[in-house]
Amino acid sequence: MFKATVILAIVLVAVSANHPKGDEYRAELVAAGLSTQAIDGISKIGETAYVSFGKRVSPSFQDAIQDVTKLFLDVEKFMKTQSEQDQKSYATYVEKKKKELDN
């Protein structure tokens, strides 16, 4: 377990160095073709997740995994309520990000 935690921590540091921040992330979603409504919804879900995690007294690795999973599922559920075009644009954006992370 410790070995896996160390490996994950190293991966997270490497990934976070290239991870877009605030306005950059929003600009990426705009460039991907998402509507303002979809971007606002995704942002709200992210903000809620961030605040929720910050309220934990002493967050653990398990808490982080649980919260990231919830964030992912909440965004996935939300995107199913958006227009077909937003769903396609978001799916394309996610695939692009997966390829970037694979490199």
PDB file of N, CA and C in Angstrom:
ATOM      1  N   MET A   1       0.831  -1.197   0.000  1.00  0.00           N
ATOM      2  CA  MET A   1       0.000   0.000   0.000  1.00  0.00           C
ATOM      3  C   MET A   1       0.867   1.249   0.000  1.00  0.00           C
ATOM      4  N   PHE A   2       1.916   1.255   0.838  1.00  0.00           N
ATOM      5  CA  PHE A   2       2.782   2.426   0.912  1.00  0.00           C
ATOM      6  C   PHE A   2       3.448   2.685  -0.433  1.00  0.00           C
ATOM      7  N   LYS A   3       3.913   1.609  -1.071  1.00  0.00           N
ATOM      8  CA  LYS A   3       4.572   1.731  -2.370  1.00  0.00           C
ATOM      9  C   LYS A   3       3.625   2.354  -3.395  1.00  0.00           C
ATOM     10  N   ALA A   4       2.379   1.892  -3.408  1.00  0.00           N
ATOM     11  CA  ALA A   4       1.383   2.434  -4.339  1.00  0.00           C
ATOM     12  C   ALA A   4       1.105   3.901  -4.042  1.00  0.00           C
ATOM     13  N   THR A   5       1.074   4.260  -2.770  1.00  0.00           N
ATOM     14  CA  THR A   5       0.834   5.654  -2.381  1.00  0.00           C
ATOM     15  C   THR A   5       1.964   6.551  -2.862  1.00  0.00           C
ATOM     16  N   VAL A   6       3.196   6.095  -2.702  1.00  0.00           N
ATOM     17  CA  VAL A   6       4.355   6.875  -3.149  1.00  0.00           C
ATOM     18  C   VAL A   6       4.320   7.049  -4.660  1.00  0.00           C
ATOM     19  N   ILE A   7       4.031   5.985  -5.381  1.00  0.00           N
ATOM     20  CA  ILE A   7       3.964   6.062  -6.844  1.00  0.00           C
ATOM     21  C   ILE A   7       2.872   7.032  -7.273  1.00  0.00           C
ATOM     22  N   LEU A   8       1.700   6.933  -6.651  1.00  0.00           N
ATOM     23  CA  LEU A   8       0.605   7.837  -6.995  1.00  0.00           C
ATOM     24  C   LEU A   8       0.978   9.279  -6.687  1.00  0.00           C
ATOM     25  N   ALA A   9       1.637   9.511  -5.567  1.00  0.00           N
ATOM     26  CA  ALA A   9       2.045  10.872  -5.201  1.00  0.00           C
ATOM     27  C   ALA A   9       2.995  11.447  -6.248  1.00  0.00           C
ATOM     28  N   ILE A  10       3.932  10.647  -6.716  1.00  0.00           N
ATOM     29  CA  ILE A  10       4.875  11.106  -7.745  1.00  0.00           C
ATOM     30  C   ILE A  10       4.133  11.426  -9.039  1.00  0.00           C
ATOM     31  N   VAL A  11       3.207  10.565  -9.421  1.00  0.00           N
ATOM     32  CA  VAL A  11       2.416  10.794 -10.632  1.00  0.00           C
ATOM     33  C   VAL A  11       1.600  12.073 -10.502  1.00  0.00           C
ATOM     34  N   LEU A  12       0.967  12.271  -9.354  1.00  0.00           N
ATOM     35  CA  LEU A  12       0.150  13.468  -9.156  1.00  0.00           C
ATOM     36  C   LEU A  12       0.980  14.738  -9.229  1.00  0.00           C
ATOM     37  N   VAL A  13       2.184  14.716  -8.678  1.00  0.00           N
ATOM     38  CA  VAL A  13       3.057  15.888  -8.758  1.00  0.00           C
ATOM     39  C   VAL A  13       3.443  16.153 -10.208  1.00  0.00           C
ATOM     40  N   ALA A  14       3.777  15.107 -10.936  1.00  0.00           N
ATOM     41  CA  ALA A  14       4.161  15.275 -12.340  1.00  0.00           C
ATOM     42  C   ALA A  14       3.005  15.808 -13.169  1.00  0.00           C
ATOM     43  N   VAL A  15       1.823  15.293 -12.946  1.00  0.00           N
ATOM     44  CA  VAL A  15       0.650  15.722 -13.700  1.00  0.00           C
ATOM     45  C   VAL A  15       0.251  17.135 -13.319  1.00  0.00           C
ATOM     46  N   SER A  16       0.288  17.446 -12.031  1.00  0.00           N
ATOM     47  CA  SER A  16      -0.174  18.758 -11.587  1.00  0.00           C
ATOM     48  C   SER A  16       0.711  19.885 -12.094  1.00  0.00           C
ATOM     49  N   ALA A  17       1.942  19.596 -12.432  1.00  0.00           N
ATOM     50  CA  ALA A  17       2.824  20.631 -12.959  1.00  0.00           C
ATOM     51  C   ALA A  17       2.298  21.183 -14.281  1.00  0.00           C
ATOM     52  N   ASN A  18       1.623  20.347 -15.059  1.00  0.00           N
ATOM     53  CA  ASN A  18       1.095  20.767 -16.353  1.00  0.00           C
ATOM     54  C   ASN A  18      -0.406  20.997 -16.330  1.00  0.00           C
ATOM     55  N   HIS A  19      -1.017  20.860 -15.175  1.00  0.00           N
ATOM     56  CA  HIS A  19      -2.468  20.983 -15.059  1.00  0.00           C
ATOM     57  C   HIS A  19      -2.881  22.448 -15.145  1.00  0.00           C
ATOM     58  N   PRO A  20      -3.864  22.755 -15.999  1.00  0.00           N
ATOM     59  CA  PRO A  20      -4.300  24.152 -16.124  1.00  0.00           C
ATOM     60  C   PRO A  20      -4.963  24.659 -14.847  1.00  0.00           C
ATOM     61  N   LYS A  21      -4.826  25.935 -14.599  1.00  0.00           N
ATOM     62  CA  LYS A  21      -5.415  26.564 -13.420  1.00  0.00           C
ATOM     63  C   LYS A  21      -6.581  27.451 -13.850  1.00  0.00           C
ATOM     64  N   GLY A  22      -7.593  27.568 -13.003  1.00  0.00           N
ATOM     65  CA  GLY A  22      -8.724  28.475 -13.145  1.00  0.00           C
ATOM     66  C   GLY A  22      -9.097  28.924 -14.535  1.00  0.00           C
ATOM     67  N   ASP A  23      -8.669  30.135 -14.886  1.00  0.00           N
ATOM     68  CA  ASP A  23      -9.019  30.724 -16.177  1.00  0.00           C
ATOM     69  C   ASP A  23      -8.468  29.920 -17.352  1.00  0.00           C
ATOM     70  N   GLU A  24      -7.300  29.296 -17.160  1.00  0.00           N
ATOM     71  CA  GLU A  24      -6.724  28.478 -18.233  1.00  0.00           C
ATOM     72  C   GLU A  24      -7.632  27.280 -18.532  1.00  0.00           C
ATOM     73  N   TYR A  25      -8.142  26.663 -17.475  1.00  0.00           N
ATOM     74  CA  TYR A  25      -9.035  25.513 -17.638  1.00  0.00           C
ATOM     75  C   TYR A  25     -10.312  25.947 -18.350  1.00  0.00           C
ATOM     76  N   ARG A  26     -10.861  27.073 -17.921  1.00  0.00           N
ATOM     77  CA  ARG A  26     -12.074  27.603 -18.550  1.00  0.00           C
ATOM     78  C   ARG A  26     -11.812  27.886 -20.038  1.00  0.00           C
ATOM     79  N   ALA A  27     -10.665  28.473 -20.341  1.00  0.00           N
ATOM     80  CA  ALA A  27     -10.309  28.772 -21.729  1.00  0.00           C
ATOM     81  C   ALA A  27     -10.184  27.486 -22.554  1.00  0.00           C
ATOM     82  N   GLU A  28      -9.655  26.431 -21.949  1.00  0.00           N
ATOM     83  CA  GLU A  28      -9.563  25.147 -22.650  1.00  0.00           C
ATOM     84  C   GLU A  28     -10.951  24.608 -22.988  1.00  0.00           C
ATOM     85  N   LEU A  29     -11.877  24.748 -22.045  1.00  0.00           N
ATOM     86  CA  LEU A  29     -13.241  24.261 -22.286  1.00  0.00           C
ATOM     87  C   LEU A  29     -13.943  25.094 -23.358  1.00  0.00           C
ATOM     88  N   VAL A  30     -13.701  26.399 -23.352  1.00  0.00           N
ATOM     89  CA  VAL A  30     -14.261  27.269 -24.399  1.00  0.00           C
ATOM     90  C   VAL A  30     -13.691  26.851 -25.755  1.00  0.00           C
ATOM     91  N   ALA A  31     -12.367  26.665 -25.807  1.00  0.00           N
ATOM     92  CA  ALA A  31     -11.712  26.269 -27.056  1.00  0.00           C
ATOM     93  C   ALA A  31     -12.197  24.899 -27.535  1.00  0.00           C
ATOM     94  N   ALA A  32     -12.601  24.051 -26.595  1.00  0.00           N
ATOM     95  CA  ALA A  32     -13.109  22.722 -26.952  1.00  0.00           C
ATOM     96  C   ALA A  32     -14.523  22.791 -27.516  1.00  0.00           C
ATOM     97  N   GLY A  33     -15.151  23.966 -27.398  1.00  0.00           N
ATOM     98  CA  GLY A  33     -16.475  24.147 -27.983  1.00  0.00           C
ATOM     99  C   GLY A  33     -17.637  23.968 -27.024  1.00  0.00           C
ATOM    100  N   LEU A  34     -17.374  23.924 -25.727  1.00  0.00           N
ATOM    101  CA  LEU A  34     -18.467  23.781 -24.761  1.00  0.00           C
ATOM    102  C   LEU A  34     -19.199  25.099 -24.584  1.00  0.00           C
ATOM    103  N   SER A  35     -20.483  25.003 -24.303  1.00  0.00           N
ATOM    104  CA  SER A  35     -21.299  26.197 -24.079  1.00  0.00           C
ATOM    105  C   SER A  35     -20.981  26.793 -22.710  1.00  0.00           C
ATOM    106  N   THR A  36     -21.345  28.054 -22.545  1.00  0.00           N
ATOM    107  CA  THR A  36     -21.154  28.728 -21.262  1.00  0.00           C
ATOM    108  C   THR A  36     -21.895  27.990 -20.160  1.00  0.00           C
ATOM    109  N   GLN A  37     -23.098  27.514 -20.460  1.00  0.00           N
ATOM    110  CA  GLN A  37     -23.895  26.780 -19.472  1.00  0.00           C
ATOM    111  C   GLN A  37     -23.163  25.521 -19.007  1.00  0.00           C
ATOM    112  N   ALA A  38     -22.609  24.766 -19.927  1.00  0.00           N
ATOM    113  CA  ALA A  38     -21.893  23.538 -19.574  1.00  0.00           C
ATOM    114  C   ALA A  38     -20.640  23.862 -18.768  1.00  0.00           C
ATOM    115  N   ILE A  39     -19.904  24.875 -19.199  1.00  0.00           N
ATOM    116  CA  ILE A  39     -18.679  25.265 -18.495  1.00  0.00           C
ATOM    117  C   ILE A  39     -19.002  25.730 -17.079  1.00  0.00           C
ATOM    118  N   ASP A  40     -20.045  26.532 -16.937  1.00  0.00           N
ATOM    119  CA  ASP A  40     -20.448  26.997 -15.603  1.00  0.00           C
ATOM    120  C   ASP A  40     -20.831  25.823 -14.704  1.00  0.00           C
ATOM    121  N   GLY A  41     -21.535  24.852 -15.256  1.00  0.00           N
ATOM    122  CA  GLY A  41     -21.935  23.679 -14.478  1.00  0.00           C
ATOM    123  C   GLY A  41     -20.740  22.855 -14.028  1.00  0.00           C
ATOM    124  N   ILE A  42     -19.807  22.629 -14.941  1.00  0.00           N
ATOM    125  CA  ILE A  42     -18.590  21.882 -14.606  1.00  0.00           C
ATOM    126  C   ILE A  42     -17.801  22.635 -13.539  1.00  0.00           C
ATOM    127  N   SER A  43     -17.698  23.945 -13.702  1.00  0.00           N
ATOM    128  CA  SER A  43     -16.970  24.770 -12.726  1.00  0.00           C
ATOM    129  C   SER A  43     -17.613  24.704 -11.346  1.00  0.00           C
ATOM    130  N   LYS A  44     -18.928  24.745 -11.314  1.00  0.00           N
ATOM    131  CA  LYS A  44     -19.640  24.687 -10.032  1.00  0.00           C
ATOM    132  C   LYS A  44     -19.402  23.342  -9.350  1.00  0.00           C
ATOM    133  N   ILE A  45     -19.435  22.270 -10.114  1.00  0.00           N
ATOM    134  CA  ILE A  45     -19.174  20.939  -9.555  1.00  0.00           C
ATOM    135  C   ILE A  45     -17.750  20.884  -9.000  1.00  0.00           C
ATOM    136  N   GLY A  46     -16.799  21.412  -9.748  1.00  0.00           N
ATOM    137  CA  GLY A  46     -15.408  21.433  -9.288  1.00  0.00           C
ATOM    138  C   GLY A  46     -15.229  22.255  -8.025  1.00  0.00           C
ATOM    139  N   GLU A  47     -15.882  23.407  -7.985  1.00  0.00           N
ATOM    140  CA  GLU A  47     -15.797  24.270  -6.809  1.00  0.00           C
ATOM    141  C   GLU A  47     -16.394  23.576  -5.585  1.00  0.00           C
ATOM    142  N   THR A  48     -17.526  22.927  -5.766  1.00  0.00           N
ATOM    143  CA  THR A  48     -18.167  22.201  -4.667  1.00  0.00           C
ATOM    144  C   THR A  48     -17.247  21.095  -4.147  1.00  0.00           C
ATOM    145  N   ALA A  49     -16.612  20.366  -5.055  1.00  0.00           N
ATOM    146  CA  ALA A  49     -15.698  19.294  -4.659  1.00  0.00           C
ATOM    147  C   ALA A  49     -14.499  19.859  -3.902  1.00  0.00           C
ATOM    148  N   TYR A  50     -13.966  20.970  -4.379  1.00  0.00           N
ATOM    149  CA  TYR A  50     -12.808  21.607  -3.743  1.00  0.00           C
ATOM    150  C   TYR A  50     -13.150  22.050  -2.324  1.00  0.00           C
ATOM    151  N   VAL A  51     -14.285  22.707  -2.162  1.00  0.00           N
ATOM    152  CA  VAL A  51     -14.718  23.180  -0.843  1.00  0.00           C
ATOM    153  C   VAL A  51     -14.973  21.991   0.085  1.00  0.00           C
ATOM    154  N   SER A  52     -15.619  20.962  -0.438  1.00  0.00           N
ATOM    155  CA  SER A  52     -15.927  19.774   0.358  1.00  0.00           C
ATOM    156  C   SER A  52     -14.652  19.116   0.878  1.00  0.00           C
ATOM    157  N   PHE A  53     -13.660  18.958   0.007  1.00  0.00           N
ATOM    158  CA  PHE A  53     -12.404  18.336   0.427  1.00  0.00           C
ATOM    159  C   PHE A  53     -11.689  19.215   1.447  1.00  0.00           C
ATOM    160  N   GLY A  54     -11.752  20.520   1.257  1.00  0.00           N
ATOM    161  CA  GLY A  54     -11.103  21.452   2.178  1.00  0.00           C
ATOM    162  C   GLY A  54     -11.705  21.448   3.570  1.00  0.00           C
ATOM    163  N   LYS A  55     -12.938  20.995   3.694  1.00  0.00           N
ATOM    164  CA  LYS A  55     -13.602  20.957   5.003  1.00  0.00           C
ATOM    165  C   LYS A  55     -13.193  19.739   5.829  1.00  0.00           C
ATOM    166  N   ARG A  56     -12.516  18.799   5.215  1.00  0.00           N
ATOM    167  CA  ARG A  56     -12.080  17.611   5.962  1.00  0.00           C
ATOM    168  C   ARG A  56     -11.015  18.031   6.978  1.00  0.00           C
ATOM    169  N   VAL A  57     -11.145  17.533   8.203  1.00  0.00           N
ATOM    170  CA  VAL A  57     -10.220  17.903   9.276  1.00  0.00           C
ATOM    171  C   VAL A  57      -8.810  17.418   8.970  1.00  0.00           C
ATOM    172  N   SER A  58      -8.673  16.160   8.656  1.00  0.00           N
ATOM    173  CA  SER A  58      -7.364  15.618   8.276  1.00  0.00           C
ATOM    174  C   SER A  58      -7.577  14.632   7.129  1.00  0.00           C
ATOM    175  N   PRO A  59      -7.618  15.164   5.911  1.00  0.00           N
ATOM    176  CA  PRO A  59      -7.914  14.316   4.753  1.00  0.00           C
ATOM    177  C   PRO A  59      -6.860  13.233   4.559  1.00  0.00           C
ATOM    178  N   SER A  60      -7.331  12.083   4.159  1.00  0.00           N
ATOM    179  CA  SER A  60      -6.442  10.953   3.906  1.00  0.00           C
ATOM    180  C   SER A  60      -6.390  10.659   2.409  1.00  0.00           C
ATOM    181  N   PHE A  61      -5.524   9.758   2.059  1.00  0.00           N
ATOM    182  CA  PHE A  61      -5.426   9.305   0.677  1.00  0.00           C
ATOM    183  C   PHE A  61      -6.764   8.718   0.232  1.00  0.00           C
ATOM    184  N   GLN A  62      -7.380   7.940   1.109  1.00  0.00           N
ATOM    185  CA  GLN A  62      -8.681   7.328   0.812  1.00  0.00           C
ATOM    186  C   GLN A  62      -9.742   8.402   0.564  1.00  0.00           C
ATOM    187  N   ASP A  63      -9.717   9.478   1.373  1.00  0.00           N
ATOM    188  CA  ASP A  63     -10.653  10.586   1.181  1.00  0.00           C
ATOM    189  C   ASP A  63     -10.454  11.224  -0.191  1.00  0.00           C
ATOM    190  N   ALA A  64      -9.197  11.392  -0.572  1.00  0.00           N
ATOM    191  CA  ALA A  64      -8.895  12.005  -1.869  1.00  0.00           C
ATOM    192  C   ALA A  64      -9.434  11.149  -3.010  1.00  0.00           C
ATOM    193  N   ILE A  65      -9.204   9.851  -2.936  1.00  0.00           N
ATOM    194  CA  ILE A  65      -9.704   8.941  -3.971  1.00  0.00           C
ATOM    195  C   ILE A  65     -11.226   9.005  -4.037  1.00  0.00           C
ATOM    196  N   GLN A  66     -11.864   8.985  -2.878  1.00  0.00           N
ATOM    197  CA  GLN A  66     -13.328   9.047  -2.816  1.00  0.00           C
ATOM    198  C   GLN A  66     -13.839  10.352  -3.420  1.00  0.00           C
ATOM    199  N   ASP A  67     -13.207  11.461  -3.079  1.00  0.00           N
ATOM    200  CA  ASP A  67     -13.663  12.760  -3.574  1.00  0.00           C
ATOM    201  C   ASP A  67     -13.426  12.926  -5.075  1.00  0.00           C
ATOM    202  N   VAL A  68     -12.296  12.437  -5.565  1.00  0.00           N
ATOM    203  CA  VAL A  68     -12.022  12.519  -7.004  1.00  0.00           C
ATOM    204  C   VAL A  68     -13.020  11.653  -7.774  1.00  0.00           C
ATOM    205  N   THR A  69     -13.324  10.482  -7.246  1.00  0.00           N
ATOM    206  CA  THR A  69     -14.310   9.606  -7.881  1.00  0.00           C
ATOM    207  C   THR A  69     -15.669  10.284  -7.934  1.00  0.00           C
ATOM    208  N   LYS A  70     -16.073  10.897  -6.825  1.00  0.00           N
ATOM    209  CA  LYS A  70     -17.357  11.605  -6.781  1.00  0.00           C
ATOM    210  C   LYS A  70     -17.359  12.760  -7.779  1.00  0.00           C
ATOM    211  N   LEU A  71     -16.264  13.507  -7.845  1.00  0.00           N
ATOM    212  CA  LEU A  71     -16.155  14.617  -8.795  1.00  0.00           C
ATOM    213  C   LEU A  71     -16.340  14.108 -10.222  1.00  0.00           C
ATOM    214  N   PHE A  72     -15.627  13.057 -10.566  1.00  0.00           N
ATOM    215  CA  PHE A  72     -15.716  12.485 -11.907  1.00  0.00           C
ATOM    216  C   PHE A  72     -17.147  12.056 -12.228  1.00  0.00           C
ATOM    217  N   LEU A  73     -17.778  11.349 -11.290  1.00  0.00           N
ATOM    218  CA  LEU A  73     -19.140  10.862 -11.516  1.00  0.00           C
ATOM    219  C   LEU A  73     -20.148  12.004 -11.587  1.00  0.00           C
ATOM    220  N   ASP A  74     -19.950  13.036 -10.772  1.00  0.00           N
ATOM    221  CA  ASP A  74     -20.851  14.194 -10.808  1.00  0.00           C
ATOM    222  C   ASP A  74     -20.764  14.922 -12.148  1.00  0.00           C
ATOM    223  N   VAL A  75     -19.544  15.088 -12.660  1.00  0.00           N
ATOM    224  CA  VAL A  75     -19.382  15.751 -13.964  1.00  0.00           C
ATOM    225  C   VAL A  75     -19.991  14.882 -15.060  1.00  0.00           C
ATOM    226  N   GLU A  76     -19.743  13.585 -14.985  1.00  0.00           N
ATOM    227  CA  GLU A  76     -20.306  12.664 -15.983  1.00  0.00           C
ATOM    228  C   GLU A  76     -21.840  12.736 -15.985  1.00  0.00           C
ATOM    229  N   LYS A  77     -22.432  12.706 -14.804  1.00  0.00           N
ATOM    230  CA  LYS A  77     -23.894  12.783 -14.676  1.00  0.00           C
ATOM    231  C   LYS A  77     -24.408  14.123 -15.205  1.00  0.00           C
ATOM    232  N   PHE A  78     -23.735  15.205 -14.854  1.00  0.00           N
ATOM    233  CA  PHE A  78     -24.129  16.536 -15.317  1.00  0.00           C
ATOM    234  C   PHE A  78     -24.068  16.622 -16.837  1.00  0.00           C
ATOM    235  N   MET A  79     -22.996  16.118 -17.429  1.00  0.00           N
ATOM    236  CA  MET A  79     -22.837  16.227 -18.878  1.00  0.00           C
ATOM    237  C   MET A  79     -23.946  15.489 -19.629  1.00  0.00           C
ATOM    238  N   LYS A  80     -24.514  14.466 -19.027  1.00  0.00           N
ATOM    239  CA  LYS A  80     -25.628  13.751 -19.660  1.00  0.00           C
ATOM    240  C   LYS A  80     -26.875  14.626 -19.756  1.00  0.00           C
ATOM    241  N   THR A  81     -26.926  15.703 -18.985  1.00  0.00           N
ATOM    242  CA  THR A  81     -28.078  16.614 -19.022  1.00  0.00           C
ATOM    243  C   THR A  81     -27.864  17.761 -20.007  1.00  0.00           C
ATOM    244  N   GLN A  82     -26.679  17.822 -20.609  1.00  0.00           N
ATOM    245  CA  GLN A  82     -26.357  18.921 -21.510  1.00  0.00           C
ATOM    246  C   GLN A  82     -26.679  18.557 -22.960  1.00  0.00           C
ATOM    247  N   SER A  83     -26.565  19.541 -23.823  1.00  0.00           N
ATOM    248  CA  SER A  83     -26.888  19.331 -25.239  1.00  0.00           C
ATOM    249  C   SER A  83     -25.983  18.263 -25.849  1.00  0.00           C
ATOM    250  N   GLU A  84     -26.453  17.699 -26.940  1.00  0.00           N
ATOM    251  CA  GLU A  84     -25.664  16.692 -27.643  1.00  0.00           C
ATOM    252  C   GLU A  84     -24.320  17.272 -28.083  1.00  0.00           C
ATOM    253  N   GLN A  85     -24.333  18.513 -28.539  1.00  0.00           N
ATOM    254  CA  GLN A  85     -23.089  19.151 -28.968  1.00  0.00           C
ATOM    255  C   GLN A  85     -22.111  19.291 -27.801  1.00  0.00           C
ATOM    256  N   ASP A  86     -22.610  19.715 -26.631  1.00  0.00           N
ATOM    257  CA  ASP A  86     -21.740  19.826 -25.456  1.00  0.00           C
ATOM    258  C   ASP A  86     -21.191  18.458 -25.055  1.00  0.00           C
ATOM    259  N   GLN A  87     -22.024  17.437 -25.138  1.00  0.00           N
ATOM    260  CA  GLN A  87     -21.566  16.089 -24.790  1.00  0.00           C
ATOM    261  C   GLN A  87     -20.451  15.637 -25.728  1.00  0.00           C
ATOM    262  N   LYS A  88     -20.623  15.894 -27.014  1.00  0.00           N
ATOM    263  CA  LYS A  88     -19.596  15.520 -27.991  1.00  0.00           C
ATOM    264  C   LYS A  88     -18.318  16.322 -27.774  1.00  0.00           C
ATOM    265  N   SER A  89     -18.471  17.619 -27.559  1.00  0.00           N
ATOM    266  CA  SER A  89     -17.304  18.480 -27.337  1.00  0.00           C
ATOM    267  C   SER A  89     -16.541  18.053 -26.088  1.00  0.00           C
ATOM    268  N   TYR A  90     -17.278  17.733 -25.030  1.00  0.00           N
ATOM    269  CA  TYR A  90     -16.631  17.322 -23.782  1.00  0.00           C
ATOM    270  C   TYR A  90     -15.930  15.975 -23.958  1.00  0.00           C
ATOM    271  N   ALA A  91     -16.578  15.045 -24.653  1.00  0.00           N
ATOM    272  CA  ALA A  91     -15.967  13.731 -24.892  1.00  0.00           C
ATOM    273  C   ALA A  91     -14.667  13.881 -25.682  1.00  0.00           C
ATOM    274  N   THR A  92     -14.670  14.750 -26.678  1.00  0.00           N
ATOM    275  CA  THR A  92     -13.464  15.007 -27.465  1.00  0.00           C
ATOM    276  C   THR A  92     -12.380  15.621 -26.590  1.00  0.00           C
ATOM    277  N   TYR A  93     -12.770  16.565 -25.729  1.00  0.00           N
ATOM    278  CA  TYR A  93     -11.833  17.213 -24.808  1.00  0.00           C
ATOM    279  C   TYR A  93     -11.206  16.181 -23.866  1.00  0.00           C
ATOM    280  N   VAL A  94     -12.025  15.294 -23.318  1.00  0.00           N
ATOM    281  CA  VAL A  94     -11.529  14.278 -22.386  1.00  0.00           C
ATOM    282  C   VAL A  94     -10.552  13.340 -23.099  1.00  0.00           C
ATOM    283  N   GLU A  95     -10.873  12.926 -24.307  1.00  0.00           N
ATOM    284  CA  GLU A  95      -9.971  12.051 -25.065  1.00  0.00           C
ATOM    285  C   GLU A  95      -8.636  12.745 -25.332  1.00  0.00           C
ATOM    286  N   LYS A  96      -8.687  14.026 -25.661  1.00  0.00           N
ATOM    287  CA  LYS A  96      -7.462  14.796 -25.894  1.00  0.00           C
ATOM    288  C   LYS A  96      -6.614  14.824 -24.622  1.00  0.00           C
ATOM    289  N   LYS A  97      -7.260  15.051 -23.477  1.00  0.00           N
ATOM    290  CA  LYS A  97      -6.538  15.097 -22.202  1.00  0.00           C
ATOM    291  C   LYS A  97      -5.934  13.739 -21.861  1.00  0.00           C
ATOM    292  N   LYS A  98      -6.662  12.659 -22.157  1.00  0.00           N
ATOM    293  CA  LYS A  98      -6.134  11.317 -21.901  1.00  0.00           C
ATOM    294  C   LYS A  98      -4.851  11.099 -22.699  1.00  0.00           C
ATOM    295  N   LYS A  99      -4.865  11.505 -23.967  1.00  0.00           N
ATOM    296  CA  LYS A  99      -3.682  11.344 -24.813  1.00  0.00           C
ATOM    297  C   LYS A  99      -2.520  12.171 -24.283  1.00  0.00           C
ATOM    298  N   GLU A 100      -2.795  13.386 -23.821  1.00  0.00           N
ATOM    299  CA  GLU A 100      -1.740  14.232 -23.258  1.00  0.00           C
ATOM    300  C   GLU A 100      -1.123  13.583 -22.026  1.00  0.00           C
ATOM    301  N   LEU A 101      -1.945  12.974 -21.195  1.00  0.00           N
ATOM    302  CA  LEU A 101      -1.446  12.344 -19.968  1.00  0.00           C
ATOM    303  C   LEU A 101      -0.695  11.053 -20.255  1.00  0.00           C
ATOM    304  N   ASP A 102      -0.997  10.412 -21.386  1.00  0.00           N
ATOM    305  CA  ASP A 102      -0.292   9.189 -21.760  1.00  0.00           C
ATOM    306  C   ASP A 102       1.134   9.475 -22.219  1.00  0.00           C
ATOM    307  N   ASN A 103       1.394  10.693 -22.619  1.00  0.00           N
ATOM    308  CA  ASN A 103       2.733  11.040 -23.135  1.00  0.00           C
ATOM    309  C   ASN A 103       3.662  11.465 -22.059  1.00  0.00           C
TER     310      ASN A 103
END
